[in-house]
Amino acid sequence: MTGVHGPALARLALPDDAAGRLGAYLDRLAAWSARVNLTGATDPETRVERLVAEVLPALGWLEGPSLLDVGSGNGSPGLVLALLRPDLRATLLEPRAKRWAFLREAARDTGRSDIQVLRERHDQYSGPPATTVTLRALALPLADLSSAVAASGRLLVFGGAPRPEPPFRLEAEAPLPRSRLHVFRRERST
């Protein structure tokens, strides 16, 4: 594997195609971060650790064929999960223009031009509910996301300590290298 992120990605023992896509994403992120504040991770090792390794435990919690990432920012976790699982139909929501432009370019650079990148907030999203919705570094009431999560779908919250509230129930919590993953199941309406 080539590129400045290759050695750090190789330690994660990812399939070559996934590592190649992630390397292209991280290279683009490093280039953009010189002009736009996308991440505090300033070296390849830290970018791989914080943006990729931190997301890997969520792979086992992905539900169904679709992923919606709210507040995608620098692409982690939504773009990273989509690069690891090319079978997912992924939509990334990012209202800030420069970050939205970065995400569009990163998706193209990684060969995932099928990823939909919308310049919208969660409360503007009118697309179909996703079977998995991800959220990182945003303090939103869970109920605000209920229309975005399909019935019986999952909401994966990275960090924070959100309280369960209808229509969500806490299904699991898992430690991450620097925080926690909170897994919620959206209950079916009766």
N, C-alpha and C. Protein backbone atom coordinates (compact mmCIF):
# COMPACT_ATOMS: atom_id res chain seq x y z
N MET A 1 0.85 -1.17 0.00
CA MET A 1 0.00 0.00 0.00
C MET A 1 0.90 1.23 0.00
N THR A 2 0.52 2.20 -0.82
CA THR A 2 1.32 3.40 -0.95
C THR A 2 0.62 4.58 -0.27
N GLY A 3 1.30 5.73 -0.30
CA GLY A 3 0.73 6.93 0.30
C GLY A 3 1.20 7.08 1.73
N VAL A 4 1.08 8.29 2.24
CA VAL A 4 1.57 8.56 3.59
C VAL A 4 0.77 7.84 4.67
N HIS A 5 -0.47 7.47 4.37
CA HIS A 5 -1.30 6.79 5.36
C HIS A 5 -1.18 5.26 5.27
N GLY A 6 -0.49 4.76 4.26
CA GLY A 6 -0.37 3.32 4.04
C GLY A 6 0.15 2.53 5.22
N PRO A 7 1.27 2.91 5.83
CA PRO A 7 1.79 2.12 6.95
C PRO A 7 0.82 2.05 8.14
N ALA A 8 0.19 3.16 8.48
CA ALA A 8 -0.75 3.15 9.61
C ALA A 8 -1.99 2.33 9.28
N LEU A 9 -2.48 2.43 8.03
CA LEU A 9 -3.64 1.63 7.63
C LEU A 9 -3.30 0.15 7.59
N ALA A 10 -2.08 -0.19 7.19
CA ALA A 10 -1.67 -1.60 7.11
C ALA A 10 -1.76 -2.27 8.48
N ARG A 11 -1.51 -1.54 9.54
CA ARG A 11 -1.59 -2.12 10.89
C ARG A 11 -3.02 -2.49 11.28
N LEU A 12 -4.01 -1.98 10.57
CA LEU A 12 -5.41 -2.31 10.87
C LEU A 12 -5.86 -3.60 10.19
N ALA A 13 -5.01 -4.16 9.33
CA ALA A 13 -5.30 -5.43 8.64
C ALA A 13 -6.63 -5.38 7.88
N LEU A 14 -6.82 -4.32 7.11
CA LEU A 14 -8.03 -4.16 6.30
C LEU A 14 -7.81 -4.81 4.94
N PRO A 15 -8.89 -5.19 4.27
CA PRO A 15 -8.72 -5.66 2.88
C PRO A 15 -8.06 -4.57 2.04
N ASP A 16 -7.25 -4.98 1.05
CA ASP A 16 -6.49 -4.02 0.25
C ASP A 16 -7.37 -2.97 -0.41
N ASP A 17 -8.54 -3.38 -0.94
CA ASP A 17 -9.39 -2.41 -1.62
C ASP A 17 -9.91 -1.35 -0.64
N ALA A 18 -10.31 -1.77 0.56
CA ALA A 18 -10.79 -0.82 1.57
C ALA A 18 -9.65 0.09 2.03
N ALA A 19 -8.47 -0.46 2.25
CA ALA A 19 -7.33 0.34 2.67
C ALA A 19 -6.96 1.36 1.59
N GLY A 20 -7.05 0.98 0.34
CA GLY A 20 -6.77 1.91 -0.75
C GLY A 20 -7.76 3.07 -0.78
N ARG A 21 -9.05 2.76 -0.62
CA ARG A 21 -10.07 3.81 -0.60
C ARG A 21 -9.86 4.73 0.61
N LEU A 22 -9.58 4.15 1.77
CA LEU A 22 -9.36 4.95 2.98
C LEU A 22 -8.11 5.82 2.85
N GLY A 23 -7.07 5.28 2.22
CA GLY A 23 -5.86 6.06 2.00
C GLY A 23 -6.13 7.27 1.12
N ALA A 24 -6.94 7.08 0.06
CA ALA A 24 -7.30 8.21 -0.81
C ALA A 24 -8.10 9.25 -0.04
N TYR A 25 -9.03 8.80 0.79
CA TYR A 25 -9.82 9.73 1.62
C TYR A 25 -8.91 10.52 2.57
N LEU A 26 -8.02 9.82 3.28
CA LEU A 26 -7.15 10.50 4.25
C LEU A 26 -6.17 11.44 3.57
N ASP A 27 -5.69 11.07 2.39
CA ASP A 27 -4.80 11.96 1.65
C ASP A 27 -5.54 13.24 1.27
N ARG A 28 -6.78 13.10 0.80
CA ARG A 28 -7.58 14.28 0.43
C ARG A 28 -7.86 15.12 1.68
N LEU A 29 -8.16 14.46 2.79
CA LEU A 29 -8.42 15.17 4.05
C LEU A 29 -7.19 15.97 4.48
N ALA A 30 -6.02 15.37 4.39
CA ALA A 30 -4.78 16.07 4.77
C ALA A 30 -4.57 17.30 3.89
N ALA A 31 -4.81 17.16 2.60
CA ALA A 31 -4.63 18.29 1.69
C ALA A 31 -5.62 19.41 2.00
N TRP A 32 -6.86 19.07 2.23
CA TRP A 32 -7.88 20.09 2.52
C TRP A 32 -7.68 20.71 3.90
N SER A 33 -7.20 19.94 4.85
CA SER A 33 -7.05 20.46 6.21
C SER A 33 -6.03 21.59 6.30
N ALA A 34 -5.17 21.70 5.30
CA ALA A 34 -4.23 22.82 5.27
C ALA A 34 -4.95 24.15 5.03
N ARG A 35 -6.16 24.08 4.42
CA ARG A 35 -6.93 25.29 4.10
C ARG A 35 -8.22 25.42 4.91
N VAL A 36 -8.80 24.30 5.28
CA VAL A 36 -10.10 24.28 5.97
C VAL A 36 -9.94 23.45 7.24
N ASN A 37 -10.47 23.92 8.34
CA ASN A 37 -10.38 23.18 9.60
C ASN A 37 -11.31 21.97 9.57
N LEU A 38 -10.77 20.82 9.20
CA LEU A 38 -11.55 19.59 9.13
C LEU A 38 -11.26 18.64 10.29
N THR A 39 -10.03 18.67 10.80
CA THR A 39 -9.65 17.77 11.88
C THR A 39 -8.45 18.34 12.62
N GLY A 40 -8.36 18.00 13.89
CA GLY A 40 -7.19 18.37 14.67
C GLY A 40 -6.07 17.37 14.51
N ALA A 41 -6.33 16.25 13.84
CA ALA A 41 -5.32 15.22 13.61
C ALA A 41 -4.37 15.71 12.53
N THR A 42 -3.12 15.95 12.90
CA THR A 42 -2.18 16.60 11.97
C THR A 42 -1.15 15.66 11.35
N ASP A 43 -1.14 14.40 11.73
CA ASP A 43 -0.18 13.47 11.14
C ASP A 43 -0.90 12.19 10.74
N PRO A 44 -0.32 11.41 9.84
CA PRO A 44 -0.99 10.20 9.34
C PRO A 44 -1.40 9.21 10.43
N GLU A 45 -0.52 8.98 11.40
CA GLU A 45 -0.85 8.02 12.48
C GLU A 45 -2.09 8.46 13.24
N THR A 46 -2.17 9.72 13.59
CA THR A 46 -3.29 10.24 14.37
C THR A 46 -4.57 10.24 13.54
N ARG A 47 -4.47 10.59 12.26
CA ARG A 47 -5.66 10.56 11.40
C ARG A 47 -6.23 9.15 11.31
N VAL A 48 -5.37 8.17 11.11
CA VAL A 48 -5.84 6.78 11.02
C VAL A 48 -6.45 6.34 12.35
N GLU A 49 -5.79 6.67 13.44
CA GLU A 49 -6.28 6.27 14.77
C GLU A 49 -7.65 6.89 15.07
N ARG A 50 -7.77 8.20 14.89
CA ARG A 50 -9.00 8.90 15.30
C ARG A 50 -10.15 8.76 14.31
N LEU A 51 -9.84 8.72 13.02
CA LEU A 51 -10.90 8.76 12.02
C LEU A 51 -11.27 7.40 11.46
N VAL A 52 -10.36 6.43 11.53
CA VAL A 52 -10.65 5.11 10.99
C VAL A 52 -10.75 4.06 12.11
N ALA A 53 -9.68 3.89 12.90
CA ALA A 53 -9.68 2.86 13.94
C ALA A 53 -10.82 3.07 14.94
N GLU A 54 -11.12 4.32 15.25
CA GLU A 54 -12.20 4.63 16.20
C GLU A 54 -13.56 4.19 15.67
N VAL A 55 -13.70 4.08 14.36
CA VAL A 55 -14.98 3.74 13.73
C VAL A 55 -15.15 2.23 13.50
N LEU A 56 -14.07 1.49 13.44
CA LEU A 56 -14.13 0.06 13.12
C LEU A 56 -15.09 -0.75 14.00
N PRO A 57 -15.18 -0.50 15.31
CA PRO A 57 -16.12 -1.29 16.11
C PRO A 57 -17.58 -1.14 15.68
N ALA A 58 -17.92 -0.10 14.97
CA ALA A 58 -19.31 0.11 14.53
C ALA A 58 -19.69 -0.79 13.37
N LEU A 59 -18.72 -1.36 12.68
CA LEU A 59 -19.04 -2.20 11.52
C LEU A 59 -20.03 -3.32 11.87
N GLY A 60 -19.87 -3.93 13.01
CA GLY A 60 -20.75 -5.01 13.41
C GLY A 60 -22.15 -4.58 13.78
N TRP A 61 -22.37 -3.29 13.93
CA TRP A 61 -23.68 -2.76 14.32
C TRP A 61 -24.45 -2.18 13.15
N LEU A 62 -23.86 -2.15 11.96
CA LEU A 62 -24.56 -1.60 10.80
C LEU A 62 -25.77 -2.46 10.47
N GLU A 63 -26.86 -1.82 10.20
CA GLU A 63 -28.13 -2.48 9.95
C GLU A 63 -28.55 -2.21 8.50
N GLY A 64 -28.85 -3.27 7.76
CA GLY A 64 -29.47 -3.13 6.45
C GLY A 64 -28.66 -2.44 5.38
N PRO A 65 -29.34 -2.04 4.33
CA PRO A 65 -28.64 -1.58 3.13
C PRO A 65 -28.33 -0.09 3.07
N SER A 66 -28.82 0.73 4.02
CA SER A 66 -28.63 2.17 3.85
C SER A 66 -28.05 2.82 5.09
N LEU A 67 -27.25 3.86 4.85
CA LEU A 67 -26.57 4.59 5.91
C LEU A 67 -26.81 6.08 5.69
N LEU A 68 -27.16 6.78 6.76
CA LEU A 68 -27.30 8.23 6.75
C LEU A 68 -26.41 8.75 7.86
N ASP A 69 -25.47 9.63 7.50
CA ASP A 69 -24.57 10.22 8.49
C ASP A 69 -24.96 11.68 8.67
N VAL A 70 -25.26 12.05 9.90
CA VAL A 70 -25.72 13.40 10.22
C VAL A 70 -24.54 14.24 10.68
N GLY A 71 -24.35 15.40 10.04
CA GLY A 71 -23.23 16.27 10.40
C GLY A 71 -21.91 15.66 10.02
N SER A 72 -21.76 15.28 8.77
CA SER A 72 -20.62 14.46 8.32
C SER A 72 -19.26 15.13 8.46
N GLY A 73 -19.19 16.44 8.40
CA GLY A 73 -17.94 17.16 8.65
C GLY A 73 -16.74 16.66 7.89
N ASN A 74 -15.86 15.95 8.58
CA ASN A 74 -14.62 15.47 7.96
C ASN A 74 -14.76 14.06 7.36
N GLY A 75 -15.95 13.48 7.43
CA GLY A 75 -16.17 12.18 6.80
C GLY A 75 -16.16 11.00 7.75
N SER A 76 -15.86 11.21 9.00
CA SER A 76 -15.83 10.12 9.97
C SER A 76 -16.94 10.36 10.99
N PRO A 77 -17.87 9.41 11.11
CA PRO A 77 -17.81 8.02 10.71
C PRO A 77 -18.45 7.68 9.36
N GLY A 78 -19.33 8.51 8.82
CA GLY A 78 -20.15 8.12 7.67
C GLY A 78 -19.39 7.71 6.43
N LEU A 79 -18.50 8.56 5.95
CA LEU A 79 -17.74 8.22 4.75
C LEU A 79 -16.83 7.03 5.00
N VAL A 80 -16.22 6.97 6.17
CA VAL A 80 -15.34 5.85 6.50
C VAL A 80 -16.12 4.54 6.45
N LEU A 81 -17.29 4.48 7.06
CA LEU A 81 -18.10 3.26 7.04
C LEU A 81 -18.52 2.90 5.61
N ALA A 82 -18.86 3.90 4.81
CA ALA A 82 -19.24 3.64 3.42
C ALA A 82 -18.05 3.10 2.61
N LEU A 83 -16.85 3.55 2.93
CA LEU A 83 -15.66 3.04 2.23
C LEU A 83 -15.33 1.62 2.66
N LEU A 84 -15.64 1.30 3.89
CA LEU A 84 -15.40 -0.06 4.39
C LEU A 84 -16.48 -1.03 3.91
N ARG A 85 -17.67 -0.52 3.65
CA ARG A 85 -18.80 -1.33 3.20
C ARG A 85 -19.38 -0.75 1.91
N PRO A 86 -18.76 -1.04 0.76
CA PRO A 86 -19.22 -0.46 -0.49
C PRO A 86 -20.62 -0.90 -0.90
N ASP A 87 -21.18 -1.90 -0.22
CA ASP A 87 -22.54 -2.34 -0.52
C ASP A 87 -23.59 -1.40 0.07
N LEU A 88 -23.19 -0.50 0.97
CA LEU A 88 -24.13 0.42 1.60
C LEU A 88 -24.49 1.57 0.66
N ARG A 89 -25.77 1.89 0.63
CA ARG A 89 -26.21 3.14 -0.01
C ARG A 89 -26.04 4.22 1.04
N ALA A 90 -25.11 5.11 0.83
CA ALA A 90 -24.75 6.09 1.85
C ALA A 90 -25.18 7.50 1.46
N THR A 91 -25.68 8.22 2.46
CA THR A 91 -26.01 9.64 2.32
C THR A 91 -25.32 10.38 3.45
N LEU A 92 -24.61 11.44 3.12
CA LEU A 92 -23.91 12.25 4.10
C LEU A 92 -24.58 13.62 4.14
N LEU A 93 -24.93 14.08 5.35
CA LEU A 93 -25.53 15.40 5.52
C LEU A 93 -24.50 16.34 6.14
N GLU A 94 -24.25 17.45 5.46
CA GLU A 94 -23.32 18.45 5.97
C GLU A 94 -23.76 19.82 5.49
N PRO A 95 -24.21 20.69 6.40
CA PRO A 95 -24.71 22.00 5.97
C PRO A 95 -23.63 23.04 5.64
N ARG A 96 -22.43 22.87 6.15
CA ARG A 96 -21.38 23.88 5.92
C ARG A 96 -20.75 23.68 4.53
N ALA A 97 -20.69 24.76 3.76
CA ALA A 97 -20.31 24.70 2.35
C ALA A 97 -18.93 24.08 2.12
N LYS A 98 -17.92 24.50 2.85
CA LYS A 98 -16.57 23.99 2.60
C LYS A 98 -16.47 22.50 2.94
N ARG A 99 -17.09 22.09 4.03
CA ARG A 99 -17.05 20.67 4.40
C ARG A 99 -17.87 19.83 3.42
N TRP A 100 -19.00 20.37 2.97
CA TRP A 100 -19.81 19.70 1.96
C TRP A 100 -18.99 19.49 0.68
N ALA A 101 -18.27 20.53 0.25
CA ALA A 101 -17.44 20.43 -0.96
C ALA A 101 -16.33 19.39 -0.75
N PHE A 102 -15.72 19.38 0.42
CA PHE A 102 -14.70 18.37 0.71
C PHE A 102 -15.27 16.96 0.59
N LEU A 103 -16.43 16.73 1.19
CA LEU A 103 -17.02 15.39 1.18
C LEU A 103 -17.35 14.93 -0.24
N ARG A 104 -17.85 15.81 -1.06
CA ARG A 104 -18.14 15.46 -2.46
C ARG A 104 -16.86 15.05 -3.19
N GLU A 105 -15.81 15.83 -2.99
CA GLU A 105 -14.54 15.53 -3.65
C GLU A 105 -13.94 14.23 -3.11
N ALA A 106 -14.00 14.03 -1.81
CA ALA A 106 -13.45 12.81 -1.20
C ALA A 106 -14.20 11.57 -1.69
N ALA A 107 -15.52 11.65 -1.80
CA ALA A 107 -16.30 10.50 -2.30
C ALA A 107 -15.87 10.16 -3.73
N ARG A 108 -15.70 11.17 -4.56
CA ARG A 108 -15.26 10.92 -5.94
C ARG A 108 -13.85 10.33 -5.96
N ASP A 109 -12.93 10.90 -5.15
CA ASP A 109 -11.54 10.43 -5.12
C ASP A 109 -11.42 8.97 -4.72
N THR A 110 -12.36 8.50 -3.93
CA THR A 110 -12.30 7.14 -3.42
C THR A 110 -13.05 6.13 -4.29
N GLY A 111 -13.58 6.62 -5.41
CA GLY A 111 -14.32 5.72 -6.30
C GLY A 111 -15.75 5.48 -5.86
N ARG A 112 -16.25 6.28 -4.91
CA ARG A 112 -17.63 6.12 -4.44
C ARG A 112 -18.47 7.34 -4.83
N SER A 113 -18.51 7.62 -6.12
CA SER A 113 -19.30 8.75 -6.60
C SER A 113 -20.80 8.50 -6.41
N ASP A 114 -21.16 7.27 -6.02
CA ASP A 114 -22.56 6.94 -5.75
C ASP A 114 -23.02 7.45 -4.37
N ILE A 115 -22.09 7.88 -3.54
CA ILE A 115 -22.45 8.41 -2.23
C ILE A 115 -23.13 9.76 -2.43
N GLN A 116 -24.29 9.90 -1.83
CA GLN A 116 -25.03 11.15 -1.92
C GLN A 116 -24.55 12.08 -0.81
N VAL A 117 -24.10 13.27 -1.18
CA VAL A 117 -23.64 14.26 -0.22
C VAL A 117 -24.57 15.46 -0.33
N LEU A 118 -25.35 15.69 0.72
CA LEU A 118 -26.34 16.76 0.71
C LEU A 118 -25.92 17.90 1.62
N ARG A 119 -26.11 19.11 1.14
CA ARG A 119 -25.80 20.29 1.96
C ARG A 119 -27.05 20.64 2.75
N GLU A 120 -27.29 19.84 3.80
CA GLU A 120 -28.49 19.96 4.62
C GLU A 120 -28.19 19.64 6.07
N ARG A 121 -29.04 20.19 6.93
CA ARG A 121 -29.05 19.80 8.33
C ARG A 121 -30.00 18.61 8.49
N HIS A 122 -29.93 17.96 9.64
CA HIS A 122 -30.79 16.81 9.89
C HIS A 122 -32.27 17.17 9.80
N ASP A 123 -32.64 18.39 10.24
CA ASP A 123 -34.04 18.77 10.23
C ASP A 123 -34.53 19.26 8.87
N GLN A 124 -33.64 19.29 7.87
CA GLN A 124 -34.02 19.63 6.49
C GLN A 124 -34.12 18.38 5.62
N TYR A 125 -33.62 17.26 6.11
CA TYR A 125 -33.57 16.04 5.32
C TYR A 125 -34.98 15.51 5.08
N SER A 126 -35.30 15.29 3.79
CA SER A 126 -36.62 14.77 3.45
C SER A 126 -36.54 13.47 2.66
N GLY A 127 -35.37 12.87 2.64
CA GLY A 127 -35.19 11.62 1.92
C GLY A 127 -35.75 10.44 2.70
N PRO A 128 -35.57 9.26 2.17
CA PRO A 128 -36.09 8.07 2.84
C PRO A 128 -35.34 7.78 4.14
N PRO A 129 -36.03 7.20 5.12
CA PRO A 129 -35.33 6.82 6.35
C PRO A 129 -34.28 5.75 6.03
N ALA A 130 -33.20 5.78 6.78
CA ALA A 130 -32.10 4.84 6.59
C ALA A 130 -32.19 3.73 7.63
N THR A 131 -31.64 2.57 7.29
CA THR A 131 -31.62 1.45 8.24
C THR A 131 -30.57 1.67 9.31
N THR A 132 -29.54 2.49 9.02
CA THR A 132 -28.56 2.89 10.03
C THR A 132 -28.31 4.39 9.89
N VAL A 133 -28.38 5.10 11.01
CA VAL A 133 -28.04 6.52 11.05
C VAL A 133 -26.89 6.67 12.03
N THR A 134 -25.87 7.46 11.65
CA THR A 134 -24.73 7.70 12.51
C THR A 134 -24.65 9.18 12.88
N LEU A 135 -24.08 9.40 14.06
CA LEU A 135 -23.99 10.74 14.62
C LEU A 135 -22.73 10.81 15.48
N ARG A 136 -21.91 11.85 15.24
CA ARG A 136 -20.68 12.01 16.02
C ARG A 136 -20.48 13.49 16.31
N ALA A 137 -20.21 13.80 17.56
CA ALA A 137 -19.87 15.15 17.98
C ALA A 137 -20.99 16.16 17.76
N LEU A 138 -22.22 15.70 17.81
CA LEU A 138 -23.38 16.58 17.75
C LEU A 138 -24.31 16.22 18.90
N ALA A 139 -24.71 17.21 19.66
CA ALA A 139 -25.62 16.97 20.78
C ALA A 139 -27.04 17.28 20.31
N LEU A 140 -27.71 16.25 19.81
CA LEU A 140 -29.07 16.39 19.34
C LEU A 140 -29.99 15.50 20.17
N PRO A 141 -31.21 15.95 20.46
CA PRO A 141 -32.17 15.04 21.08
C PRO A 141 -32.44 13.88 20.12
N LEU A 142 -32.44 12.67 20.63
CA LEU A 142 -32.64 11.51 19.76
C LEU A 142 -33.96 11.60 19.01
N ALA A 143 -34.98 12.12 19.64
CA ALA A 143 -36.30 12.22 19.00
C ALA A 143 -36.24 13.05 17.72
N ASP A 144 -35.29 13.99 17.63
CA ASP A 144 -35.15 14.81 16.43
C ASP A 144 -34.72 13.98 15.22
N LEU A 145 -34.22 12.78 15.46
CA LEU A 145 -33.74 11.92 14.38
C LEU A 145 -34.71 10.81 14.03
N SER A 146 -35.84 10.75 14.69
CA SER A 146 -36.74 9.61 14.52
C SER A 146 -37.23 9.45 13.08
N SER A 147 -37.48 10.53 12.36
CA SER A 147 -37.97 10.38 10.99
C SER A 147 -36.86 9.95 10.03
N ALA A 148 -35.61 10.07 10.43
CA ALA A 148 -34.48 9.68 9.58
C ALA A 148 -34.13 8.20 9.71
N VAL A 149 -34.57 7.57 10.80
CA VAL A 149 -34.23 6.16 11.07
C VAL A 149 -35.43 5.29 10.71
N ALA A 150 -35.21 4.29 9.88
CA ALA A 150 -36.27 3.37 9.49
C ALA A 150 -36.79 2.61 10.71
N ALA A 151 -38.03 2.18 10.66
CA ALA A 151 -38.60 1.36 11.73
C ALA A 151 -37.71 0.15 11.94
N SER A 152 -37.37 -0.13 13.18
CA SER A 152 -36.46 -1.21 13.59
C SER A 152 -35.02 -0.97 13.16
N GLY A 153 -34.72 0.22 12.67
CA GLY A 153 -33.35 0.55 12.28
C GLY A 153 -32.52 0.93 13.49
N ARG A 154 -31.26 1.22 13.24
CA ARG A 154 -30.33 1.56 14.32
C ARG A 154 -29.82 2.98 14.20
N LEU A 155 -29.58 3.57 15.36
CA LEU A 155 -28.94 4.87 15.47
C LEU A 155 -27.65 4.64 16.25
N LEU A 156 -26.52 4.96 15.64
CA LEU A 156 -25.21 4.78 16.26
C LEU A 156 -24.67 6.15 16.64
N VAL A 157 -24.49 6.37 17.94
CA VAL A 157 -24.01 7.65 18.44
C VAL A 157 -22.59 7.46 18.99
N PHE A 158 -21.64 8.17 18.40
CA PHE A 158 -20.24 8.10 18.82
C PHE A 158 -19.99 9.19 19.84
N GLY A 159 -19.52 8.80 21.04
CA GLY A 159 -19.22 9.76 22.09
C GLY A 159 -20.47 10.17 22.84
N GLY A 160 -20.31 11.17 23.71
CA GLY A 160 -21.46 11.66 24.47
C GLY A 160 -22.12 10.59 25.31
N ALA A 161 -23.23 10.95 25.90
CA ALA A 161 -24.01 9.99 26.69
C ALA A 161 -25.49 10.32 26.51
N PRO A 162 -26.02 10.07 25.30
CA PRO A 162 -27.42 10.40 25.06
C PRO A 162 -28.35 9.53 25.88
N ARG A 163 -29.44 10.15 26.33
CA ARG A 163 -30.45 9.39 27.08
C ARG A 163 -31.44 8.78 26.11
N PRO A 164 -31.82 7.53 26.32
CA PRO A 164 -32.84 6.93 25.46
C PRO A 164 -34.15 7.69 25.61
N GLU A 165 -34.82 7.89 24.52
CA GLU A 165 -36.14 8.52 24.53
C GLU A 165 -36.92 7.95 23.36
N PRO A 166 -38.24 7.87 23.51
CA PRO A 166 -39.05 7.29 22.43
C PRO A 166 -38.82 8.06 21.12
N PRO A 167 -38.74 7.35 20.03
CA PRO A 167 -39.02 5.93 19.82
C PRO A 167 -37.78 5.03 19.90
N PHE A 168 -36.71 5.47 20.59
CA PHE A 168 -35.47 4.71 20.64
C PHE A 168 -35.27 4.03 21.99
N ARG A 169 -34.70 2.83 21.94
CA ARG A 169 -34.28 2.16 23.17
C ARG A 169 -32.80 1.81 23.01
N LEU A 170 -32.08 1.91 24.12
CA LEU A 170 -30.66 1.59 24.11
C LEU A 170 -30.51 0.09 23.93
N GLU A 171 -29.77 -0.30 22.92
CA GLU A 171 -29.55 -1.71 22.62
C GLU A 171 -28.20 -2.19 23.16
N ALA A 172 -27.20 -1.32 23.07
CA ALA A 172 -25.86 -1.72 23.53
C ALA A 172 -24.98 -0.49 23.65
N GLU A 173 -23.91 -0.65 24.41
CA GLU A 173 -22.84 0.34 24.48
C GLU A 173 -21.53 -0.42 24.31
N ALA A 174 -20.62 0.20 23.59
CA ALA A 174 -19.33 -0.45 23.36
C ALA A 174 -18.22 0.57 23.55
N PRO A 175 -17.13 0.17 24.20
CA PRO A 175 -16.01 1.10 24.35
C PRO A 175 -15.31 1.30 23.01
N LEU A 176 -14.88 2.51 22.79
CA LEU A 176 -14.05 2.85 21.64
C LEU A 176 -12.69 3.29 22.18
N PRO A 177 -11.69 3.37 21.34
CA PRO A 177 -10.38 3.76 21.86
C PRO A 177 -10.38 5.07 22.65
N ARG A 178 -11.19 6.07 22.23
CA ARG A 178 -11.17 7.36 22.91
C ARG A 178 -12.54 7.78 23.46
N SER A 179 -13.57 7.01 23.22
CA SER A 179 -14.91 7.38 23.69
C SER A 179 -15.78 6.12 23.79
N ARG A 180 -17.08 6.26 23.52
CA ARG A 180 -18.00 5.13 23.57
C ARG A 180 -18.92 5.17 22.36
N LEU A 181 -19.40 4.00 21.97
CA LEU A 181 -20.40 3.87 20.94
C LEU A 181 -21.71 3.48 21.62
N HIS A 182 -22.76 4.26 21.37
CA HIS A 182 -24.09 3.99 21.92
C HIS A 182 -24.97 3.53 20.76
N VAL A 183 -25.54 2.35 20.91
CA VAL A 183 -26.35 1.75 19.85
C VAL A 183 -27.81 1.77 20.29
N PHE A 184 -28.63 2.44 19.50
CA PHE A 184 -30.06 2.53 19.78
C PHE A 184 -30.86 1.83 18.68
N ARG A 185 -31.94 1.22 19.07
CA ARG A 185 -32.87 0.59 18.14
C ARG A 185 -34.12 1.45 18.08
N ARG A 186 -34.58 1.75 16.87
CA ARG A 186 -35.83 2.49 16.73
C ARG A 186 -36.99 1.50 16.81
N GLU A 187 -37.85 1.72 17.77
CA GLU A 187 -39.01 0.85 17.95
C GLU A 187 -40.03 1.09 16.83
N ARG A 188 -40.70 0.03 16.46
CA ARG A 188 -41.78 0.17 15.49
C ARG A 188 -42.96 0.88 16.13
N SER A 189 -43.64 1.71 15.35
CA SER A 189 -44.85 2.37 15.86
C SER A 189 -45.96 1.33 15.94
N THR A 190 -46.80 1.47 16.96
CA THR A 190 -47.90 0.50 17.08
C THR A 190 -49.20 1.13 16.68
